[in-house]
Amino acid sequence: MSSRSGPRATGTDGRDFLHRETVAGHYKVSAVNKSRMKLIAVLHTALFMLWIGRLLPDLMGYLGMKAPASLMALPRASLWEFAWLPSILAALFAYLALQRNRSILMQQFILGTVLFGLLPIFYGIYDYSDDLSSFLNNKGKARKLFGFPFVTILYMFIAVALQVHGFGIYIATQLISSWKPKVQKKAN
């Protein structure tokens, strides 16, 4: 043992650290990935709020209210855009799973992200591919939103959402594998 103000303990020269206990690797992986998953949940919530803003004119129309003129420039929302909204529940499952290392909730996160996050996004890529090709072929002539082509803004959202969903699924699989109990073989 060494002391703060005294001399070094006799019988050691400081090279005996290799035998000391360390934190198991799966605990380190779990701690790092839990903070990453919290960041993914926050980013997913931010994307959700942005998407609610995009869908606001249609939502107000369904409720019988009139949308502001600045929001009326948005094109009508497709069905896949509404189908993406329940993916926020997957982020909630992930956040709840982090508190007590619940693998089943993390598996629900993965399932919800694939069904309500990735599938609608992939359909959105297909749905707006004609608009993107006409924008690229007509040298920038397209519907504009606040001075920017709407299709490019939409594809930027899609790119960010794909990254958030992809990293979320990867981190979730890392967490599930670090939370699994290690099975040891019995010695006969």
N, C-alpha and C. Protein backbone atom coordinates (compact mmCIF):
# COMPACT_ATOMS: atom_id res chain seq x y z
N MET A 1 0.84 -1.18 0.00
CA MET A 1 0.00 0.00 0.00
C MET A 1 0.87 1.23 0.00
N SER A 2 0.51 2.17 -0.75
CA SER A 2 1.23 3.44 -0.72
C SER A 2 0.39 4.46 0.02
N SER A 3 1.03 5.42 0.57
CA SER A 3 0.30 6.47 1.26
C SER A 3 0.50 7.78 0.52
N ARG A 4 -0.37 8.71 0.78
CA ARG A 4 -0.29 9.98 0.06
C ARG A 4 0.96 10.77 0.42
N SER A 5 1.27 10.82 1.67
CA SER A 5 2.37 11.70 2.06
C SER A 5 3.61 10.95 2.51
N GLY A 6 3.49 9.65 2.66
CA GLY A 6 4.63 8.89 3.18
C GLY A 6 5.40 8.19 2.09
N PRO A 7 6.34 7.40 2.49
CA PRO A 7 7.16 6.67 1.51
C PRO A 7 6.36 5.51 0.91
N ARG A 8 6.86 4.99 -0.19
CA ARG A 8 6.23 3.86 -0.86
C ARG A 8 6.31 2.64 0.05
N ALA A 9 5.30 1.80 -0.05
CA ALA A 9 5.28 0.59 0.77
C ALA A 9 6.47 -0.29 0.42
N THR A 10 6.97 -0.92 1.41
CA THR A 10 8.13 -1.78 1.17
C THR A 10 7.70 -3.03 0.42
N GLY A 11 8.57 -3.53 -0.39
CA GLY A 11 8.28 -4.75 -1.14
C GLY A 11 7.63 -4.50 -2.48
N THR A 12 7.47 -3.26 -2.90
CA THR A 12 6.87 -2.98 -4.21
C THR A 12 7.62 -1.84 -4.87
N ASP A 13 7.71 -1.95 -6.16
CA ASP A 13 8.34 -0.86 -6.92
C ASP A 13 7.35 -0.23 -7.90
N GLY A 14 6.06 -0.58 -7.79
CA GLY A 14 5.02 0.00 -8.64
C GLY A 14 4.66 -0.83 -9.85
N ARG A 15 5.36 -1.94 -10.08
CA ARG A 15 5.07 -2.77 -11.25
C ARG A 15 4.09 -3.89 -10.94
N ASP A 16 3.48 -3.89 -9.77
CA ASP A 16 2.59 -4.98 -9.39
C ASP A 16 1.12 -4.68 -9.68
N PHE A 17 0.87 -3.76 -10.61
CA PHE A 17 -0.51 -3.36 -10.89
C PHE A 17 -1.26 -4.37 -11.75
N LEU A 18 -0.57 -5.28 -12.40
CA LEU A 18 -1.23 -6.20 -13.33
C LEU A 18 -2.15 -7.18 -12.63
N HIS A 19 -1.92 -7.49 -11.40
CA HIS A 19 -2.74 -8.47 -10.70
C HIS A 19 -3.97 -7.84 -10.06
N ARG A 20 -4.04 -6.52 -10.06
CA ARG A 20 -5.16 -5.86 -9.38
C ARG A 20 -6.45 -6.04 -10.16
N GLU A 21 -7.55 -5.91 -9.46
CA GLU A 21 -8.85 -6.10 -10.09
C GLU A 21 -9.18 -4.92 -11.00
N THR A 22 -9.85 -5.23 -12.09
CA THR A 22 -10.31 -4.19 -13.01
C THR A 22 -11.79 -4.41 -13.27
N VAL A 23 -12.40 -3.40 -13.84
CA VAL A 23 -13.82 -3.50 -14.19
C VAL A 23 -13.94 -4.41 -15.40
N ALA A 24 -14.90 -5.32 -15.35
CA ALA A 24 -15.11 -6.26 -16.45
C ALA A 24 -15.47 -5.50 -17.72
N GLY A 25 -15.04 -6.05 -18.84
CA GLY A 25 -15.22 -5.38 -20.13
C GLY A 25 -16.66 -5.11 -20.50
N HIS A 26 -17.57 -6.04 -20.18
CA HIS A 26 -18.95 -5.84 -20.57
C HIS A 26 -19.60 -4.70 -19.78
N TYR A 27 -19.09 -4.40 -18.59
CA TYR A 27 -19.61 -3.25 -17.85
C TYR A 27 -19.16 -1.94 -18.51
N LYS A 28 -17.94 -1.93 -18.99
CA LYS A 28 -17.44 -0.74 -19.70
C LYS A 28 -18.24 -0.51 -20.97
N VAL A 29 -18.46 -1.59 -21.73
CA VAL A 29 -19.23 -1.48 -22.97
C VAL A 29 -20.64 -0.99 -22.68
N SER A 30 -21.24 -1.51 -21.63
CA SER A 30 -22.59 -1.12 -21.26
C SER A 30 -22.64 0.36 -20.88
N ALA A 31 -21.69 0.82 -20.10
CA ALA A 31 -21.70 2.22 -19.66
C ALA A 31 -21.52 3.17 -20.83
N VAL A 32 -20.61 2.86 -21.73
CA VAL A 32 -20.37 3.74 -22.88
C VAL A 32 -21.59 3.75 -23.79
N ASN A 33 -22.15 2.57 -24.07
CA ASN A 33 -23.27 2.49 -25.00
C ASN A 33 -24.57 3.01 -24.41
N LYS A 34 -24.70 3.00 -23.09
CA LYS A 34 -25.89 3.60 -22.49
C LYS A 34 -25.92 5.10 -22.74
N SER A 35 -24.79 5.76 -22.61
CA SER A 35 -24.77 7.20 -22.88
C SER A 35 -25.00 7.47 -24.36
N ARG A 36 -24.48 6.61 -25.21
CA ARG A 36 -24.73 6.77 -26.65
C ARG A 36 -26.20 6.57 -26.98
N MET A 37 -26.83 5.59 -26.32
CA MET A 37 -28.25 5.34 -26.59
C MET A 37 -29.10 6.50 -26.10
N LYS A 38 -28.71 7.14 -25.00
CA LYS A 38 -29.45 8.32 -24.55
C LYS A 38 -29.35 9.43 -25.59
N LEU A 39 -28.16 9.60 -26.18
CA LEU A 39 -27.99 10.59 -27.23
C LEU A 39 -28.86 10.24 -28.44
N ILE A 40 -28.92 8.97 -28.80
CA ILE A 40 -29.77 8.54 -29.92
C ILE A 40 -31.23 8.85 -29.62
N ALA A 41 -31.68 8.61 -28.38
CA ALA A 41 -33.07 8.91 -28.01
C ALA A 41 -33.35 10.41 -28.10
N VAL A 42 -32.39 11.23 -27.69
CA VAL A 42 -32.57 12.69 -27.78
C VAL A 42 -32.62 13.13 -29.24
N LEU A 43 -31.73 12.60 -30.07
CA LEU A 43 -31.74 12.94 -31.49
C LEU A 43 -33.03 12.48 -32.16
N HIS A 44 -33.50 11.31 -31.79
CA HIS A 44 -34.75 10.80 -32.35
C HIS A 44 -35.92 11.71 -31.95
N THR A 45 -35.92 12.18 -30.72
CA THR A 45 -36.97 13.09 -30.27
C THR A 45 -36.90 14.41 -31.02
N ALA A 46 -35.69 14.91 -31.28
CA ALA A 46 -35.54 16.14 -32.06
C ALA A 46 -36.06 15.96 -33.48
N LEU A 47 -35.74 14.81 -34.09
CA LEU A 47 -36.27 14.53 -35.43
C LEU A 47 -37.79 14.44 -35.41
N PHE A 48 -38.33 13.84 -34.36
CA PHE A 48 -39.78 13.73 -34.22
C PHE A 48 -40.42 15.11 -34.16
N MET A 49 -39.83 16.01 -33.39
CA MET A 49 -40.39 17.36 -33.28
C MET A 49 -40.31 18.10 -34.62
N LEU A 50 -39.21 17.94 -35.33
CA LEU A 50 -39.10 18.55 -36.66
C LEU A 50 -40.16 17.99 -37.60
N TRP A 51 -40.38 16.69 -37.52
CA TRP A 51 -41.35 16.06 -38.41
C TRP A 51 -42.78 16.46 -38.07
N ILE A 52 -43.06 16.66 -36.79
CA ILE A 52 -44.38 17.17 -36.40
C ILE A 52 -44.58 18.56 -37.02
N GLY A 53 -43.52 19.38 -37.01
CA GLY A 53 -43.60 20.69 -37.65
C GLY A 53 -43.87 20.58 -39.14
N ARG A 54 -43.30 19.58 -39.79
CA ARG A 54 -43.55 19.38 -41.22
C ARG A 54 -44.98 18.92 -41.48
N LEU A 55 -45.51 18.10 -40.57
CA LEU A 55 -46.86 17.57 -40.75
C LEU A 55 -47.94 18.48 -40.17
N LEU A 56 -47.55 19.57 -39.55
CA LEU A 56 -48.50 20.45 -38.87
C LEU A 56 -49.64 20.95 -39.77
N PRO A 57 -49.38 21.39 -41.01
CA PRO A 57 -50.51 21.83 -41.84
C PRO A 57 -51.55 20.74 -42.07
N ASP A 58 -51.09 19.52 -42.32
CA ASP A 58 -52.04 18.42 -42.53
C ASP A 58 -52.78 18.06 -41.24
N LEU A 59 -52.05 18.06 -40.13
CA LEU A 59 -52.69 17.76 -38.85
C LEU A 59 -53.73 18.82 -38.50
N MET A 60 -53.41 20.08 -38.77
CA MET A 60 -54.37 21.16 -38.50
C MET A 60 -55.58 21.04 -39.42
N GLY A 61 -55.35 20.63 -40.66
CA GLY A 61 -56.45 20.44 -41.59
C GLY A 61 -57.39 19.33 -41.14
N TYR A 62 -56.82 18.25 -40.60
CA TYR A 62 -57.65 17.16 -40.10
C TYR A 62 -58.47 17.58 -38.89
N LEU A 63 -57.94 18.52 -38.12
CA LEU A 63 -58.65 19.00 -36.94
C LEU A 63 -59.60 20.15 -37.25
N GLY A 64 -59.66 20.57 -38.52
CA GLY A 64 -60.57 21.63 -38.93
C GLY A 64 -60.05 23.03 -38.67
N MET A 65 -58.76 23.16 -38.44
CA MET A 65 -58.16 24.47 -38.21
C MET A 65 -57.42 24.91 -39.46
N LYS A 66 -57.19 26.22 -39.57
CA LYS A 66 -56.49 26.75 -40.73
C LYS A 66 -55.02 26.96 -40.36
N ALA A 67 -54.13 26.47 -41.22
CA ALA A 67 -52.69 26.59 -40.97
C ALA A 67 -52.20 27.96 -41.40
N PRO A 68 -51.13 28.47 -40.79
CA PRO A 68 -50.55 29.74 -41.21
C PRO A 68 -50.09 29.69 -42.67
N ALA A 69 -50.04 30.84 -43.30
CA ALA A 69 -49.70 30.91 -44.72
C ALA A 69 -48.28 30.42 -45.00
N SER A 70 -47.37 30.64 -44.07
CA SER A 70 -45.99 30.20 -44.30
C SER A 70 -45.88 28.68 -44.34
N LEU A 71 -46.76 28.00 -43.62
CA LEU A 71 -46.74 26.53 -43.62
C LEU A 71 -47.51 25.93 -44.79
N MET A 72 -48.31 26.74 -45.46
CA MET A 72 -49.11 26.22 -46.57
C MET A 72 -48.25 25.91 -47.79
N ALA A 73 -47.01 26.38 -47.81
CA ALA A 73 -46.12 26.09 -48.94
C ALA A 73 -45.67 24.63 -48.95
N LEU A 74 -45.85 23.95 -47.84
CA LEU A 74 -45.44 22.55 -47.77
C LEU A 74 -46.37 21.67 -48.60
N PRO A 75 -45.83 20.70 -49.31
CA PRO A 75 -46.71 19.77 -50.02
C PRO A 75 -47.45 18.87 -49.03
N ARG A 76 -48.54 18.31 -49.50
CA ARG A 76 -49.33 17.44 -48.63
C ARG A 76 -48.49 16.22 -48.23
N ALA A 77 -48.72 15.80 -47.02
CA ALA A 77 -47.95 14.68 -46.47
C ALA A 77 -48.44 13.35 -47.05
N SER A 78 -47.51 12.46 -47.24
CA SER A 78 -47.84 11.11 -47.70
C SER A 78 -48.13 10.23 -46.49
N LEU A 79 -48.67 9.07 -46.76
CA LEU A 79 -49.01 8.15 -45.68
C LEU A 79 -47.77 7.66 -44.93
N TRP A 80 -46.66 7.47 -45.65
CA TRP A 80 -45.45 6.99 -44.99
C TRP A 80 -44.93 8.00 -43.98
N GLU A 81 -45.20 9.28 -44.20
CA GLU A 81 -44.74 10.31 -43.27
C GLU A 81 -45.47 10.20 -41.94
N PHE A 82 -46.74 9.83 -41.99
CA PHE A 82 -47.48 9.59 -40.75
C PHE A 82 -47.09 8.25 -40.13
N ALA A 83 -46.73 7.27 -40.98
CA ALA A 83 -46.34 5.95 -40.47
C ALA A 83 -45.01 6.00 -39.73
N TRP A 84 -44.20 7.04 -39.99
CA TRP A 84 -42.92 7.16 -39.29
C TRP A 84 -43.11 7.65 -37.85
N LEU A 85 -44.19 8.35 -37.56
CA LEU A 85 -44.39 8.96 -36.25
C LEU A 85 -44.35 7.98 -35.08
N PRO A 86 -44.94 6.78 -35.17
CA PRO A 86 -44.87 5.86 -34.01
C PRO A 86 -43.46 5.38 -33.67
N SER A 87 -42.48 5.71 -34.50
CA SER A 87 -41.12 5.29 -34.17
C SER A 87 -40.59 5.97 -32.92
N ILE A 88 -41.25 7.05 -32.48
CA ILE A 88 -40.84 7.69 -31.23
C ILE A 88 -41.07 6.76 -30.04
N LEU A 89 -42.04 5.87 -30.16
CA LEU A 89 -42.27 4.89 -29.09
C LEU A 89 -41.08 3.95 -28.93
N ALA A 90 -40.43 3.65 -30.05
CA ALA A 90 -39.23 2.81 -29.97
C ALA A 90 -38.14 3.51 -29.17
N ALA A 91 -37.99 4.81 -29.37
CA ALA A 91 -37.00 5.56 -28.59
C ALA A 91 -37.36 5.56 -27.11
N LEU A 92 -38.64 5.61 -26.82
CA LEU A 92 -39.08 5.55 -25.42
C LEU A 92 -38.75 4.18 -24.82
N PHE A 93 -38.95 3.11 -25.58
CA PHE A 93 -38.58 1.77 -25.11
C PHE A 93 -37.08 1.70 -24.81
N ALA A 94 -36.28 2.28 -25.68
CA ALA A 94 -34.83 2.26 -25.46
C ALA A 94 -34.47 3.01 -24.19
N TYR A 95 -35.08 4.15 -23.99
CA TYR A 95 -34.78 4.94 -22.79
C TYR A 95 -35.19 4.19 -21.52
N LEU A 96 -36.34 3.54 -21.56
CA LEU A 96 -36.79 2.77 -20.40
C LEU A 96 -35.92 1.54 -20.16
N ALA A 97 -35.40 0.96 -21.23
CA ALA A 97 -34.56 -0.24 -21.09
C ALA A 97 -33.23 0.08 -20.42
N LEU A 98 -32.77 1.30 -20.54
CA LEU A 98 -31.46 1.66 -20.00
C LEU A 98 -31.44 1.68 -18.48
N GLN A 99 -32.57 1.92 -17.86
CA GLN A 99 -32.58 2.09 -16.41
C GLN A 99 -32.23 0.82 -15.66
N ARG A 100 -32.72 -0.31 -16.15
CA ARG A 100 -32.49 -1.57 -15.42
C ARG A 100 -31.96 -2.68 -16.32
N ASN A 101 -31.32 -2.32 -17.41
CA ASN A 101 -30.73 -3.30 -18.34
C ASN A 101 -31.76 -4.31 -18.84
N ARG A 102 -32.88 -3.85 -19.28
CA ARG A 102 -33.96 -4.74 -19.73
C ARG A 102 -33.76 -5.07 -21.21
N SER A 103 -33.33 -6.26 -21.47
CA SER A 103 -33.06 -6.68 -22.84
C SER A 103 -34.33 -6.75 -23.68
N ILE A 104 -35.44 -7.15 -23.07
CA ILE A 104 -36.69 -7.29 -23.83
C ILE A 104 -37.16 -5.94 -24.36
N LEU A 105 -37.00 -4.88 -23.58
CA LEU A 105 -37.37 -3.55 -24.07
C LEU A 105 -36.42 -3.08 -25.17
N MET A 106 -35.16 -3.45 -25.07
CA MET A 106 -34.21 -3.08 -26.12
C MET A 106 -34.52 -3.84 -27.40
N GLN A 107 -34.98 -5.09 -27.27
CA GLN A 107 -35.40 -5.83 -28.46
C GLN A 107 -36.65 -5.20 -29.07
N GLN A 108 -37.55 -4.69 -28.23
CA GLN A 108 -38.72 -3.98 -28.74
C GLN A 108 -38.30 -2.69 -29.45
N PHE A 109 -37.26 -2.04 -28.96
CA PHE A 109 -36.72 -0.86 -29.63
C PHE A 109 -36.25 -1.22 -31.04
N ILE A 110 -35.51 -2.32 -31.15
CA ILE A 110 -35.01 -2.72 -32.47
C ILE A 110 -36.17 -3.03 -33.41
N LEU A 111 -37.15 -3.79 -32.93
CA LEU A 111 -38.31 -4.13 -33.75
C LEU A 111 -39.09 -2.88 -34.16
N GLY A 112 -39.34 -1.99 -33.21
CA GLY A 112 -40.07 -0.76 -33.52
C GLY A 112 -39.31 0.15 -34.47
N THR A 113 -38.00 0.19 -34.33
CA THR A 113 -37.19 1.02 -35.23
C THR A 113 -37.23 0.48 -36.64
N VAL A 114 -37.17 -0.83 -36.78
CA VAL A 114 -37.22 -1.41 -38.13
C VAL A 114 -38.60 -1.20 -38.74
N LEU A 115 -39.66 -1.52 -37.98
CA LEU A 115 -41.02 -1.45 -38.54
C LEU A 115 -41.50 -0.02 -38.77
N PHE A 116 -41.31 0.84 -37.77
CA PHE A 116 -41.87 2.18 -37.86
C PHE A 116 -40.84 3.25 -38.21
N GLY A 117 -39.56 2.90 -38.19
CA GLY A 117 -38.53 3.87 -38.53
C GLY A 117 -37.95 3.64 -39.91
N LEU A 118 -37.37 2.47 -40.11
CA LEU A 118 -36.66 2.22 -41.36
C LEU A 118 -37.59 1.93 -42.54
N LEU A 119 -38.61 1.11 -42.34
CA LEU A 119 -39.49 0.78 -43.47
C LEU A 119 -40.19 2.01 -44.05
N PRO A 120 -40.78 2.90 -43.22
CA PRO A 120 -41.35 4.12 -43.81
C PRO A 120 -40.30 5.01 -44.48
N ILE A 121 -39.10 5.07 -43.92
CA ILE A 121 -38.05 5.89 -44.52
C ILE A 121 -37.66 5.33 -45.89
N PHE A 122 -37.50 4.02 -45.98
CA PHE A 122 -37.15 3.41 -47.27
C PHE A 122 -38.26 3.64 -48.30
N TYR A 123 -39.51 3.55 -47.85
CA TYR A 123 -40.61 3.84 -48.77
C TYR A 123 -40.59 5.32 -49.18
N GLY A 124 -40.23 6.19 -48.26
CA GLY A 124 -40.13 7.62 -48.57
C GLY A 124 -39.05 7.90 -49.61
N ILE A 125 -37.95 7.17 -49.53
CA ILE A 125 -36.90 7.32 -50.55
C ILE A 125 -37.46 6.95 -51.91
N TYR A 126 -38.20 5.86 -51.96
CA TYR A 126 -38.82 5.43 -53.21
C TYR A 126 -39.88 6.44 -53.66
N ASP A 127 -40.70 6.90 -52.73
CA ASP A 127 -41.81 7.79 -53.05
C ASP A 127 -41.34 9.12 -53.63
N TYR A 128 -40.28 9.67 -53.09
CA TYR A 128 -39.80 10.97 -53.55
C TYR A 128 -38.65 10.87 -54.55
N SER A 129 -38.35 9.68 -55.04
CA SER A 129 -37.26 9.54 -56.01
C SER A 129 -37.58 10.24 -57.33
N ASP A 130 -38.85 10.24 -57.74
CA ASP A 130 -39.23 10.96 -58.96
C ASP A 130 -39.02 12.46 -58.79
N ASP A 131 -39.39 13.01 -57.64
CA ASP A 131 -39.18 14.43 -57.39
C ASP A 131 -37.69 14.77 -57.39
N LEU A 132 -36.88 13.90 -56.82
CA LEU A 132 -35.44 14.15 -56.79
C LEU A 132 -34.85 14.10 -58.19
N SER A 133 -35.25 13.12 -58.99
CA SER A 133 -34.71 13.03 -60.35
C SER A 133 -35.17 14.21 -61.20
N SER A 134 -36.42 14.65 -61.05
CA SER A 134 -36.86 15.83 -61.81
C SER A 134 -36.15 17.09 -61.33
N PHE A 135 -35.84 17.18 -60.04
CA PHE A 135 -35.08 18.32 -59.53
C PHE A 135 -33.67 18.33 -60.12
N LEU A 136 -33.04 17.16 -60.18
CA LEU A 136 -31.68 17.09 -60.71
C LEU A 136 -31.65 17.29 -62.22
N ASN A 137 -32.66 16.81 -62.93
CA ASN A 137 -32.69 16.95 -64.39
C ASN A 137 -33.10 18.35 -64.83
N ASN A 138 -33.92 19.03 -64.06
CA ASN A 138 -34.38 20.37 -64.42
C ASN A 138 -33.48 21.46 -63.85
N LYS A 139 -32.32 21.08 -63.40
CA LYS A 139 -31.31 22.01 -62.90
C LYS A 139 -31.84 22.94 -61.82
N GLY A 140 -32.50 22.35 -60.83
CA GLY A 140 -32.87 23.11 -59.65
C GLY A 140 -34.28 23.67 -59.64
N LYS A 141 -35.09 23.37 -60.64
CA LYS A 141 -36.46 23.87 -60.62
C LYS A 141 -37.32 22.87 -59.85
N ALA A 142 -37.80 23.30 -58.70
CA ALA A 142 -38.63 22.42 -57.86
C ALA A 142 -39.39 23.28 -56.88
N ARG A 143 -40.33 22.63 -56.16
CA ARG A 143 -41.04 23.34 -55.10
C ARG A 143 -40.04 23.78 -54.05
N LYS A 144 -40.23 24.98 -53.57
CA LYS A 144 -39.29 25.53 -52.60
C LYS A 144 -39.98 25.73 -51.26
N LEU A 145 -39.18 25.58 -50.22
CA LEU A 145 -39.63 25.81 -48.86
C LEU A 145 -38.61 26.73 -48.21
N PHE A 146 -39.03 27.95 -47.90
CA PHE A 146 -38.14 28.96 -47.32
C PHE A 146 -36.91 29.18 -48.19
N GLY A 147 -37.09 29.13 -49.50
CA GLY A 147 -36.00 29.38 -50.44
C GLY A 147 -35.15 28.18 -50.80
N PHE A 148 -35.41 27.04 -50.19
CA PHE A 148 -34.64 25.83 -50.47
C PHE A 148 -35.56 24.81 -51.14
N PRO A 149 -35.03 24.00 -52.06
CA PRO A 149 -35.85 22.96 -52.68
C PRO A 149 -36.34 21.97 -51.62
N PHE A 150 -37.64 21.72 -51.64
CA PHE A 150 -38.23 20.85 -50.62
C PHE A 150 -37.66 19.44 -50.67
N VAL A 151 -37.41 18.93 -51.85
CA VAL A 151 -36.95 17.55 -51.97
C VAL A 151 -35.56 17.39 -51.36
N THR A 152 -34.71 18.39 -51.44
CA THR A 152 -33.38 18.28 -50.82
C THR A 152 -33.49 18.34 -49.30
N ILE A 153 -34.39 19.17 -48.79
CA ILE A 153 -34.60 19.22 -47.34
C ILE A 153 -35.13 17.87 -46.85
N LEU A 154 -36.04 17.30 -47.61
CA LEU A 154 -36.60 16.00 -47.24
C LEU A 154 -35.53 14.91 -47.24
N TYR A 155 -34.69 14.90 -48.26
CA TYR A 155 -33.65 13.89 -48.32
C TYR A 155 -32.58 14.11 -47.25
N MET A 156 -32.35 15.34 -46.83
CA MET A 156 -31.44 15.57 -45.70
C MET A 156 -32.04 14.98 -44.42
N PHE A 157 -33.34 15.18 -44.23
CA PHE A 157 -34.01 14.57 -43.08
C PHE A 157 -33.89 13.05 -43.14
N ILE A 158 -34.12 12.49 -44.31
CA ILE A 158 -34.05 11.04 -44.48
C ILE A 158 -32.65 10.53 -44.17
N ALA A 159 -31.62 11.25 -44.63
CA ALA A 159 -30.24 10.83 -44.37
C ALA A 159 -29.93 10.84 -42.87
N VAL A 160 -30.36 11.89 -42.19
CA VAL A 160 -30.11 11.97 -40.74
C VAL A 160 -30.91 10.88 -40.02
N ALA A 161 -32.16 10.67 -40.42
CA ALA A 161 -32.99 9.65 -39.77
C ALA A 161 -32.40 8.25 -39.98
N LEU A 162 -31.89 7.98 -41.18
CA LEU A 162 -31.26 6.67 -41.42
C LEU A 162 -30.05 6.47 -40.52
N GLN A 163 -29.27 7.51 -40.34
CA GLN A 163 -28.10 7.39 -39.47
C GLN A 163 -28.51 7.17 -38.02
N VAL A 164 -29.50 7.93 -37.56
CA VAL A 164 -29.95 7.77 -36.17
C VAL A 164 -30.51 6.37 -35.96
N HIS A 165 -31.32 5.89 -36.89
CA HIS A 165 -31.90 4.55 -36.75
C HIS A 165 -30.81 3.47 -36.84
N GLY A 166 -29.90 3.62 -37.79
CA GLY A 166 -28.84 2.63 -37.95
C GLY A 166 -27.93 2.54 -36.73
N PHE A 167 -27.48 3.69 -36.25
CA PHE A 167 -26.64 3.68 -35.05
C PHE A 167 -27.41 3.19 -33.84
N GLY A 168 -28.70 3.52 -33.77
CA GLY A 168 -29.51 3.05 -32.65
C GLY A 168 -29.61 1.54 -32.62
N ILE A 169 -29.82 0.93 -33.77
CA ILE A 169 -29.91 -0.53 -33.83
C ILE A 169 -28.56 -1.15 -33.49
N TYR A 170 -27.47 -0.59 -33.99
CA TYR A 170 -26.15 -1.12 -33.69
C TYR A 170 -25.85 -1.04 -32.19
N ILE A 171 -26.12 0.11 -31.60
CA ILE A 171 -25.85 0.29 -30.17
C ILE A 171 -26.75 -0.63 -29.35
N ALA A 172 -27.99 -0.80 -29.77
CA ALA A 172 -28.91 -1.68 -29.04
C ALA A 172 -28.42 -3.12 -29.06
N THR A 173 -27.91 -3.59 -30.19
CA THR A 173 -27.39 -4.95 -30.23
C THR A 173 -26.15 -5.09 -29.35
N GLN A 174 -25.32 -4.05 -29.30
CA GLN A 174 -24.16 -4.08 -28.41
C GLN A 174 -24.60 -4.15 -26.95
N LEU A 175 -25.63 -3.38 -26.60
CA LEU A 175 -26.12 -3.39 -25.22
C LEU A 175 -26.73 -4.73 -24.86
N ILE A 176 -27.51 -5.29 -25.76
CA ILE A 176 -28.14 -6.59 -25.47
C ILE A 176 -27.07 -7.65 -25.25
N SER A 177 -26.03 -7.65 -26.08
CA SER A 177 -24.98 -8.66 -25.91
C SER A 177 -24.18 -8.43 -24.63
N SER A 178 -24.03 -7.18 -24.21
CA SER A 178 -23.28 -6.94 -22.96
C SER A 178 -24.14 -7.22 -21.73
N TRP A 179 -25.46 -7.21 -21.89
CA TRP A 179 -26.34 -7.49 -20.75
C TRP A 179 -26.61 -8.97 -20.56
N LYS A 180 -26.30 -9.79 -21.56
CA LYS A 180 -26.55 -11.23 -21.43
C LYS A 180 -25.62 -11.82 -20.39
N PRO A 181 -26.15 -12.69 -19.55
CA PRO A 181 -25.27 -13.34 -18.57
C PRO A 181 -24.33 -14.30 -19.28
N LYS A 182 -23.12 -14.33 -18.82
CA LYS A 182 -22.13 -15.24 -19.39
C LYS A 182 -22.33 -16.63 -18.79
N VAL A 183 -22.54 -17.61 -19.64
CA VAL A 183 -22.76 -18.98 -19.21
C VAL A 183 -21.40 -19.68 -19.13
N GLN A 184 -21.12 -20.25 -17.98
CA GLN A 184 -19.86 -20.96 -17.80
C GLN A 184 -20.14 -22.46 -17.80
N LYS A 185 -19.21 -23.20 -18.38
CA LYS A 185 -19.35 -24.65 -18.39
C LYS A 185 -18.99 -25.20 -17.02
N LYS A 186 -19.75 -26.20 -16.60
CA LYS A 186 -19.46 -26.85 -15.32
C LYS A 186 -18.28 -27.80 -15.48
N ALA A 187 -17.40 -27.75 -14.52
CA ALA A 187 -16.25 -28.65 -14.54
C ALA A 187 -16.66 -29.99 -13.94
N ASN A 188 -16.40 -31.08 -14.64
CA ASN A 188 -16.75 -32.42 -14.15
C ASN A 188 -15.58 -33.05 -13.46
